[in-house]
């Protein structure tokens, strides 16, 4: 892993009130605010992938049901 000076940096503007919420969550989870944000971004991306996979399965099942009902 690269050290923090070599990693990409990104300035983030947060809506009012979000910073203290992230700070509180980071404290509860024993993480830095940066680590909390990274964790939550990664989790959101993974959950979206899982949701897309499940949506595909549901569409396939609905198509199968339609074919069975038509037969």
C-alpha atoms as a PDB file:
ATOM      1  CA  UNK A   1       0.000   0.000   0.000  1.00  0.00           C
ATOM      2  CA  UNK A   2       1.211   3.483  -0.828  1.00  0.00           C
ATOM      3  CA  UNK A   3       1.819   5.931   1.976  1.00  0.00           C
ATOM      4  CA  UNK A   4      -0.646   8.778   2.420  1.00  0.00           C
ATOM      5  CA  UNK A   5       1.575  11.283   0.619  1.00  0.00           C
ATOM      6  CA  UNK A   6       1.457   9.156  -2.550  1.00  0.00           C
ATOM      7  CA  UNK A   7      -2.299   8.484  -2.495  1.00  0.00           C
ATOM      8  CA  UNK A   8      -4.868  10.462  -4.462  1.00  0.00           C
ATOM      9  CA  UNK A   9      -6.272  13.405  -2.563  1.00  0.00           C
ATOM     10  CA  UNK A  10      -9.744  14.838  -3.017  1.00  0.00           C
ATOM     11  CA  UNK A  11     -11.315  17.935  -1.491  1.00  0.00           C
ATOM     12  CA  UNK A  12     -14.834  17.160  -0.313  1.00  0.00           C
ATOM     13  CA  UNK A  13     -17.552  19.716   0.339  1.00  0.00           C
ATOM     14  CA  UNK A  14     -20.134  18.411   2.782  1.00  0.00           C
ATOM     15  CA  UNK A  15     -23.622  19.707   3.423  1.00  0.00           C
ATOM     16  CA  UNK A  16     -24.162  21.393   6.771  1.00  0.00           C
ATOM     17  CA  UNK A  17     -24.444  18.867   9.562  1.00  0.00           C
ATOM     18  CA  UNK A  18     -22.863  15.934   7.733  1.00  0.00           C
ATOM     19  CA  UNK A  19     -19.342  16.414   9.109  1.00  0.00           C
ATOM     20  CA  UNK A  20     -20.361  15.912  12.753  1.00  0.00           C
ATOM     21  CA  UNK A  21     -22.395  12.838  11.793  1.00  0.00           C
ATOM     22  CA  UNK A  22     -19.387  11.313  10.042  1.00  0.00           C
ATOM     23  CA  UNK A  23     -17.173  12.277  12.961  1.00  0.00           C
ATOM     24  CA  UNK A  24     -19.564  10.582  15.402  1.00  0.00           C
ATOM     25  CA  UNK A  25     -19.774   7.436  13.262  1.00  0.00           C
ATOM     26  CA  UNK A  26     -15.983   7.358  12.931  1.00  0.00           C
ATOM     27  CA  UNK A  27     -15.595   7.588  16.708  1.00  0.00           C
ATOM     28  CA  UNK A  28     -18.134   4.828  17.300  1.00  0.00           C
ATOM     29  CA  UNK A  29     -16.386   2.602  14.741  1.00  0.00           C
ATOM     30  CA  UNK A  30     -12.901   3.513  16.017  1.00  0.00           C
ATOM     31  CA  UNK A  31     -11.846   4.930  12.645  1.00  0.00           C
ATOM     32  CA  UNK A  32     -10.577   8.242  11.370  1.00  0.00           C
ATOM     33  CA  UNK A  33     -13.066  10.372   9.455  1.00  0.00           C
ATOM     34  CA  UNK A  34     -11.172   9.580   6.267  1.00  0.00           C
ATOM     35  CA  UNK A  35     -11.351   5.843   6.947  1.00  0.00           C
ATOM     36  CA  UNK A  36     -15.056   6.111   7.766  1.00  0.00           C
ATOM     37  CA  UNK A  37     -15.776   7.899   4.472  1.00  0.00           C
ATOM     38  CA  UNK A  38     -13.719   5.366   2.484  1.00  0.00           C
ATOM     39  CA  UNK A  39     -15.419   2.455   4.266  1.00  0.00           C
ATOM     40  CA  UNK A  40     -18.877   3.837   3.538  1.00  0.00           C
ATOM     41  CA  UNK A  41     -18.087   4.613  -0.105  1.00  0.00           C
ATOM     42  CA  UNK A  42     -16.743   1.099  -0.650  1.00  0.00           C
ATOM     43  CA  UNK A  43     -19.748  -0.431   1.127  1.00  0.00           C
ATOM     44  CA  UNK A  44     -22.174   1.572  -1.012  1.00  0.00           C
ATOM     45  CA  UNK A  45     -20.461   0.480  -4.223  1.00  0.00           C
ATOM     46  CA  UNK A  46     -20.545  -3.173  -3.119  1.00  0.00           C
ATOM     47  CA  UNK A  47     -24.209  -2.967  -2.089  1.00  0.00           C
ATOM     48  CA  UNK A  48     -25.130  -1.413  -5.457  1.00  0.00           C
ATOM     49  CA  UNK A  49     -23.391  -4.303  -7.248  1.00  0.00           C
ATOM     50  CA  UNK A  50     -25.270  -6.830  -5.109  1.00  0.00           C
ATOM     51  CA  UNK A  51     -28.563  -5.041  -5.760  1.00  0.00           C
ATOM     52  CA  UNK A  52     -27.927  -5.049  -9.515  1.00  0.00           C
ATOM     53  CA  UNK A  53     -27.212  -8.796  -9.383  1.00  0.00           C
ATOM     54  CA  UNK A  54     -30.433  -9.435  -7.453  1.00  0.00           C
ATOM     55  CA  UNK A  55     -32.435  -7.241  -9.836  1.00  0.00           C
ATOM     56  CA  UNK A  56     -31.112  -9.300 -12.746  1.00  0.00           C
ATOM     57  CA  UNK A  57     -32.159 -12.537 -11.023  1.00  0.00           C
ATOM     58  CA  UNK A  58     -35.625 -11.126 -10.318  1.00  0.00           C
ATOM     59  CA  UNK A  59     -36.052 -10.021 -13.958  1.00  0.00           C
ATOM     60  CA  UNK A  60     -35.036 -13.491 -15.140  1.00  0.00           C
ATOM     61  CA  UNK A  61     -37.481 -15.147 -12.752  1.00  0.00           C
ATOM     62  CA  UNK A  62     -40.298 -12.836 -13.833  1.00  0.00           C
ATOM     63  CA  UNK A  63     -39.569 -13.646 -17.475  1.00  0.00           C
ATOM     64  CA  UNK A  64     -39.658 -17.353 -16.636  1.00  0.00           C
ATOM     65  CA  UNK A  65     -42.995 -16.933 -14.859  1.00  0.00           C
ATOM     66  CA  UNK A  66     -44.435 -15.104 -17.852  1.00  0.00           C
ATOM     67  CA  UNK A  67     -43.298 -17.912 -20.183  1.00  0.00           C
ATOM     68  CA  UNK A  68     -44.761 -20.568 -17.900  1.00  0.00           C
ATOM     69  CA  UNK A  69     -48.060 -18.712 -17.630  1.00  0.00           C
ATOM     70  CA  UNK A  70     -48.216 -18.323 -21.415  1.00  0.00           C
ATOM     71  CA  UNK A  71     -47.631 -22.052 -21.954  1.00  0.00           C
END
